[in-house]
Amino acid sequence: MVEHKIDKTDRRILQMLEENARISVKDIAEANFMSSPAVANRIRRMEANDLIKHYYADIDYSSMGYVVKAFINLEVKPEDKSEFYPFIEKVPNVIQCDCVTGDYSMLIQATYRRPEELDHLVNELQKFGRTKTEIAFSTPIEHRPIPVKTESDDEEDKKEDLF
């Protein structure tokens, strides 16, 4: 992997892709006053450097009957993580699993059609450690893009705030 420092144009491209991963290279090029091949090269470089890791659709699971969204805290001992990671990777209803600080070591987001299915997962997880499960009633803020900035952008913003 080649080290690649991103510039303002890269950040604009990233912002556009984060807002709509299906936007065409042509549309990105027009918005940035660039040629399509130049934009495509920048995107390929950012993919090669793992700055862009995936493209995916943001699916409304509840419209397909997956109405139980749960956040499961799990306490996993460090020596059990080598067994836990392959296990959790194979659970299809797990949307995300993060290693976190605090009383628990894992935060798992999963979605199911019925509470009984969630109960089965929680029972399976308890072989790895203590759990605490929270079920979401609603999601007022879905996954959304954040402003793509670097530390140098933050410094520029601070300078502008002085004037």
C-alpha atoms as a PDB file:
ATOM      1  CA  MET A   1       0.000   0.000   0.000  1.00  0.00           C
ATOM      2  CA  VAL A   2       1.328   3.386  -1.027  1.00  0.00           C
ATOM      3  CA  GLU A   3       0.971   6.294   1.399  1.00  0.00           C
ATOM      4  CA  HIS A   4      -1.447   8.812  -0.072  1.00  0.00           C
ATOM      5  CA  LYS A   5      -2.109  12.215   1.377  1.00  0.00           C
ATOM      6  CA  ILE A   6      -5.611  13.368   0.545  1.00  0.00           C
ATOM      7  CA  ASP A   7      -6.327  16.883  -0.647  1.00  0.00           C
ATOM      8  CA  LYS A   8      -9.491  18.996  -0.824  1.00  0.00           C
ATOM      9  CA  THR A   9     -10.518  17.415  -4.122  1.00  0.00           C
ATOM     10  CA  ASP A  10     -10.206  13.914  -2.653  1.00  0.00           C
ATOM     11  CA  ARG A  11     -12.294  15.033   0.322  1.00  0.00           C
ATOM     12  CA  ARG A  12     -15.013  16.413  -1.984  1.00  0.00           C
ATOM     13  CA  ILE A  13     -15.020  13.124  -3.909  1.00  0.00           C
ATOM     14  CA  LEU A  14     -15.233  11.142  -0.669  1.00  0.00           C
ATOM     15  CA  GLN A  15     -18.083  13.317   0.587  1.00  0.00           C
ATOM     16  CA  MET A  16     -20.028  12.784  -2.640  1.00  0.00           C
ATOM     17  CA  LEU A  17     -19.462   9.006  -2.542  1.00  0.00           C
ATOM     18  CA  GLU A  18     -20.460   8.825   1.111  1.00  0.00           C
ATOM     19  CA  GLU A  19     -23.691  10.685   0.389  1.00  0.00           C
ATOM     20  CA  ASN A  20     -24.456   8.494  -2.643  1.00  0.00           C
ATOM     21  CA  ALA A  21     -22.222   5.510  -3.414  1.00  0.00           C
ATOM     22  CA  ARG A  22     -23.973   5.102  -6.782  1.00  0.00           C
ATOM     23  CA  ILE A  23     -23.102   8.566  -8.064  1.00  0.00           C
ATOM     24  CA  SER A  24     -21.440   8.349 -11.452  1.00  0.00           C
ATOM     25  CA  VAL A  25     -17.817   9.271 -12.033  1.00  0.00           C
ATOM     26  CA  LYS A  26     -19.122  11.659 -14.692  1.00  0.00           C
ATOM     27  CA  ASP A  27     -21.292  13.502 -12.133  1.00  0.00           C
ATOM     28  CA  ILE A  28     -18.387  13.712  -9.666  1.00  0.00           C
ATOM     29  CA  ALA A  29     -16.121  15.013 -12.427  1.00  0.00           C
ATOM     30  CA  GLU A  30     -18.610  17.700 -13.465  1.00  0.00           C
ATOM     31  CA  ALA A  31     -19.147  18.863  -9.875  1.00  0.00           C
ATOM     32  CA  ASN A  32     -15.376  19.166  -9.368  1.00  0.00           C
ATOM     33  CA  PHE A  33     -14.508  20.606 -12.793  1.00  0.00           C
ATOM     34  CA  MET A  34     -12.380  17.557 -13.623  1.00  0.00           C
ATOM     35  CA  SER A  35     -12.224  14.892 -16.304  1.00  0.00           C
ATOM     36  CA  SER A  36     -13.821  11.515 -15.642  1.00  0.00           C
ATOM     37  CA  PRO A  37     -10.485   9.650 -16.000  1.00  0.00           C
ATOM     38  CA  ALA A  38      -8.886  11.970 -13.403  1.00  0.00           C
ATOM     39  CA  VAL A  39     -11.706  11.269 -10.929  1.00  0.00           C
ATOM     40  CA  ALA A  40     -11.566   7.525 -11.650  1.00  0.00           C
ATOM     41  CA  ASN A  41      -7.796   7.539 -10.982  1.00  0.00           C
ATOM     42  CA  ARG A  42      -8.295   9.330  -7.660  1.00  0.00           C
ATOM     43  CA  ILE A  43     -11.000   6.865  -6.626  1.00  0.00           C
ATOM     44  CA  ARG A  44      -8.816   3.869  -7.581  1.00  0.00           C
ATOM     45  CA  ARG A  45      -5.919   5.325  -5.571  1.00  0.00           C
ATOM     46  CA  MET A  46      -8.148   5.844  -2.514  1.00  0.00           C
ATOM     47  CA  GLU A  47      -9.463   2.270  -2.855  1.00  0.00           C
ATOM     48  CA  ALA A  48      -5.908   0.905  -3.155  1.00  0.00           C
ATOM     49  CA  ASN A  49      -4.970   2.768   0.029  1.00  0.00           C
ATOM     50  CA  ASP A  50      -8.056   1.441   1.873  1.00  0.00           C
ATOM     51  CA  LEU A  51      -9.396   4.951   2.330  1.00  0.00           C
ATOM     52  CA  ILE A  52     -12.489   3.700   0.498  1.00  0.00           C
ATOM     53  CA  LYS A  53     -13.124   0.223   1.896  1.00  0.00           C
ATOM     54  CA  HIS A  54     -16.586  -0.799   0.647  1.00  0.00           C
ATOM     55  CA  TYR A  55     -19.594   0.287  -1.326  1.00  0.00           C
ATOM     56  CA  TYR A  56     -22.975  -0.896  -0.120  1.00  0.00           C
ATOM     57  CA  ALA A  57     -26.671  -0.152  -0.102  1.00  0.00           C
ATOM     58  CA  ASP A  58     -28.291   1.244   3.044  1.00  0.00           C
ATOM     59  CA  ILE A  59     -31.211  -1.172   3.307  1.00  0.00           C
ATOM     60  CA  ASP A  60     -34.318  -0.584   5.423  1.00  0.00           C
ATOM     61  CA  TYR A  61     -34.392  -3.990   7.128  1.00  0.00           C
ATOM     62  CA  SER A  62     -37.682  -3.244   8.883  1.00  0.00           C
ATOM     63  CA  SER A  63     -39.468  -3.086   5.517  1.00  0.00           C
ATOM     64  CA  MET A  64     -38.438  -6.725   5.060  1.00  0.00           C
ATOM     65  CA  GLY A  65     -39.804  -7.727   8.459  1.00  0.00           C
ATOM     66  CA  TYR A  66     -36.617  -7.335  10.520  1.00  0.00           C
ATOM     67  CA  VAL A  67     -38.264  -5.227  13.211  1.00  0.00           C
ATOM     68  CA  VAL A  68     -36.202  -6.238  16.251  1.00  0.00           C
ATOM     69  CA  LYS A  69     -33.009  -4.160  16.338  1.00  0.00           C
ATOM     70  CA  ALA A  70     -30.808  -4.973  19.298  1.00  0.00           C
ATOM     71  CA  PHE A  71     -27.545  -3.794  20.795  1.00  0.00           C
ATOM     72  CA  ILE A  72     -25.874  -6.534  22.797  1.00  0.00           C
ATOM     73  CA  ASN A  73     -23.051  -5.812  25.198  1.00  0.00           C
ATOM     74  CA  LEU A  74     -20.844  -8.839  25.718  1.00  0.00           C
ATOM     75  CA  GLU A  75     -17.987  -9.395  28.118  1.00  0.00           C
ATOM     76  CA  VAL A  76     -15.385 -11.538  26.355  1.00  0.00           C
ATOM     77  CA  LYS A  77     -12.117 -12.479  28.012  1.00  0.00           C
ATOM     78  CA  PRO A  78      -9.057 -11.701  25.868  1.00  0.00           C
ATOM     79  CA  GLU A  79      -8.145 -15.380  25.677  1.00  0.00           C
ATOM     80  CA  ASP A  80     -11.615 -16.197  24.253  1.00  0.00           C
ATOM     81  CA  LYS A  81     -11.515 -13.648  21.415  1.00  0.00           C
ATOM     82  CA  SER A  82      -9.812 -16.076  19.012  1.00  0.00           C
ATOM     83  CA  GLU A  83     -12.871 -18.349  19.330  1.00  0.00           C
ATOM     84  CA  PHE A  84     -15.424 -15.512  19.515  1.00  0.00           C
ATOM     85  CA  TYR A  85     -14.396 -13.613  16.341  1.00  0.00           C
ATOM     86  CA  PRO A  86     -14.966 -16.557  13.941  1.00  0.00           C
ATOM     87  CA  PHE A  87     -18.255 -17.336  15.704  1.00  0.00           C
ATOM     88  CA  ILE A  88     -19.697 -13.816  15.461  1.00  0.00           C
ATOM     89  CA  GLU A  89     -18.517 -13.430  11.861  1.00  0.00           C
ATOM     90  CA  LYS A  90     -20.743 -16.349  10.865  1.00  0.00           C
ATOM     91  CA  VAL A  91     -23.944 -14.963  12.445  1.00  0.00           C
ATOM     92  CA  PRO A  92     -25.815 -13.504   9.451  1.00  0.00           C
ATOM     93  CA  ASN A  93     -28.082 -11.186  11.447  1.00  0.00           C
ATOM     94  CA  VAL A  94     -25.174  -9.369  13.086  1.00  0.00           C
ATOM     95  CA  ILE A  95     -24.851  -5.991  11.392  1.00  0.00           C
ATOM     96  CA  GLN A  96     -21.784  -4.811  13.301  1.00  0.00           C
ATOM     97  CA  CYS A  97     -19.510  -5.912  16.123  1.00  0.00           C
ATOM     98  CA  ASP A  98     -17.167  -3.464  17.834  1.00  0.00           C
ATOM     99  CA  CYS A  99     -14.496  -4.032  20.465  1.00  0.00           C
ATOM    100  CA  VAL A 100     -15.223  -1.340  23.076  1.00  0.00           C
ATOM    101  CA  THR A 101     -14.087   0.023  26.439  1.00  0.00           C
ATOM    102  CA  GLY A 102     -16.108  -0.104  29.630  1.00  0.00           C
ATOM    103  CA  ASP A 103     -17.804  -2.881  31.555  1.00  0.00           C
ATOM    104  CA  TYR A 104     -18.186  -4.982  28.397  1.00  0.00           C
ATOM    105  CA  SER A 105     -15.641  -5.690  25.690  1.00  0.00           C
ATOM    106  CA  MET A 106     -17.939  -6.117  22.669  1.00  0.00           C
ATOM    107  CA  LEU A 107     -20.889  -4.157  21.331  1.00  0.00           C
ATOM    108  CA  ILE A 108     -22.932  -6.137  18.826  1.00  0.00           C
ATOM    109  CA  GLN A 109     -25.720  -4.752  16.661  1.00  0.00           C
ATOM    110  CA  ALA A 110     -28.133  -7.331  15.286  1.00  0.00           C
ATOM    111  CA  THR A 111     -31.566  -7.375  13.711  1.00  0.00           C
ATOM    112  CA  TYR A 112     -34.205 -10.106  13.701  1.00  0.00           C
ATOM    113  CA  ARG A 113     -37.801 -10.652  12.691  1.00  0.00           C
ATOM    114  CA  ARG A 114     -38.874 -12.085  16.050  1.00  0.00           C
ATOM    115  CA  PRO A 115     -37.685 -11.666  19.647  1.00  0.00           C
ATOM    116  CA  GLU A 116     -37.266 -15.442  19.931  1.00  0.00           C
ATOM    117  CA  GLU A 117     -34.533 -15.338  17.287  1.00  0.00           C
ATOM    118  CA  LEU A 118     -32.702 -12.649  19.232  1.00  0.00           C
ATOM    119  CA  ASP A 119     -33.094 -14.716  22.398  1.00  0.00           C
ATOM    120  CA  HIS A 120     -31.392 -17.629  20.655  1.00  0.00           C
ATOM    121  CA  LEU A 121     -28.403 -15.433  19.710  1.00  0.00           C
ATOM    122  CA  VAL A 122     -28.099 -14.048  23.246  1.00  0.00           C
ATOM    123  CA  ASN A 123     -28.143 -17.591  24.653  1.00  0.00           C
ATOM    124  CA  GLU A 124     -25.362 -18.554  22.235  1.00  0.00           C
ATOM    125  CA  LEU A 125     -23.324 -15.473  23.175  1.00  0.00           C
ATOM    126  CA  GLN A 126     -23.518 -16.246  26.888  1.00  0.00           C
ATOM    127  CA  LYS A 127     -21.038 -19.083  26.426  1.00  0.00           C
ATOM    128  CA  PHE A 128     -18.462 -16.314  25.838  1.00  0.00           C
ATOM    129  CA  GLY A 129     -19.454 -14.191  28.833  1.00  0.00           C
ATOM    130  CA  ARG A 130     -21.958 -11.903  30.495  1.00  0.00           C
ATOM    131  CA  THR A 131     -24.420 -10.037  28.249  1.00  0.00           C
ATOM    132  CA  LYS A 132     -26.647  -6.979  28.460  1.00  0.00           C
ATOM    133  CA  THR A 133     -29.167  -6.488  25.660  1.00  0.00           C
ATOM    134  CA  GLU A 134     -30.992  -3.335  24.648  1.00  0.00           C
ATOM    135  CA  ILE A 135     -33.718  -3.245  21.998  1.00  0.00           C
ATOM    136  CA  ALA A 136     -34.173  -0.071  19.954  1.00  0.00           C
ATOM    137  CA  PHE A 137     -37.695   1.397  19.812  1.00  0.00           C
ATOM    138  CA  SER A 138     -36.863   3.776  16.970  1.00  0.00           C
ATOM    139  CA  THR A 139     -33.895   5.253  15.128  1.00  0.00           C
ATOM    140  CA  PRO A 140     -34.211   9.032  14.896  1.00  0.00           C
ATOM    141  CA  ILE A 141     -30.812   9.314  13.173  1.00  0.00           C
ATOM    142  CA  GLU A 142     -29.826   6.631  10.687  1.00  0.00           C
ATOM    143  CA  HIS A 143     -26.295   6.056   9.422  1.00  0.00           C
ATOM    144  CA  ARG A 144     -25.300   9.325   7.848  1.00  0.00           C
ATOM    145  CA  PRO A 145     -22.215  10.828   6.294  1.00  0.00           C
ATOM    146  CA  ILE A 146     -20.051  13.102   8.390  1.00  0.00           C
ATOM    147  CA  PRO A 147     -17.984  15.973   7.006  1.00  0.00           C
ATOM    148  CA  VAL A 148     -14.784  14.545   5.548  1.00  0.00           C
ATOM    149  CA  LYS A 149     -11.983  16.562   7.156  1.00  0.00           C
ATOM    150  CA  THR A 150      -8.347  16.158   8.048  1.00  0.00           C
ATOM    151  CA  GLU A 151      -6.350  17.648  10.915  1.00  0.00           C
ATOM    152  CA  SER A 152      -5.032  20.357   8.580  1.00  0.00           C
ATOM    153  CA  ASP A 153      -8.642  21.311   7.743  1.00  0.00           C
ATOM    154  CA  ASP A 154      -9.321  21.713  11.459  1.00  0.00           C
ATOM    155  CA  GLU A 155      -6.303  24.010  11.762  1.00  0.00           C
ATOM    156  CA  GLU A 156      -7.542  26.101   8.806  1.00  0.00           C
ATOM    157  CA  ASP A 157     -10.987  26.349  10.428  1.00  0.00           C
ATOM    158  CA  LYS A 158      -9.408  27.596  13.669  1.00  0.00           C
ATOM    159  CA  LYS A 159      -7.485  30.268  11.750  1.00  0.00           C
ATOM    160  CA  GLU A 160     -10.664  31.406   9.981  1.00  0.00           C
ATOM    161  CA  ASP A 161     -12.495  31.628  13.330  1.00  0.00           C
ATOM    162  CA  LEU A 162      -9.884  34.149  14.527  1.00  0.00           C
ATOM    163  CA  PHE A 163     -10.891  36.666  11.847  1.00  0.00           C
END
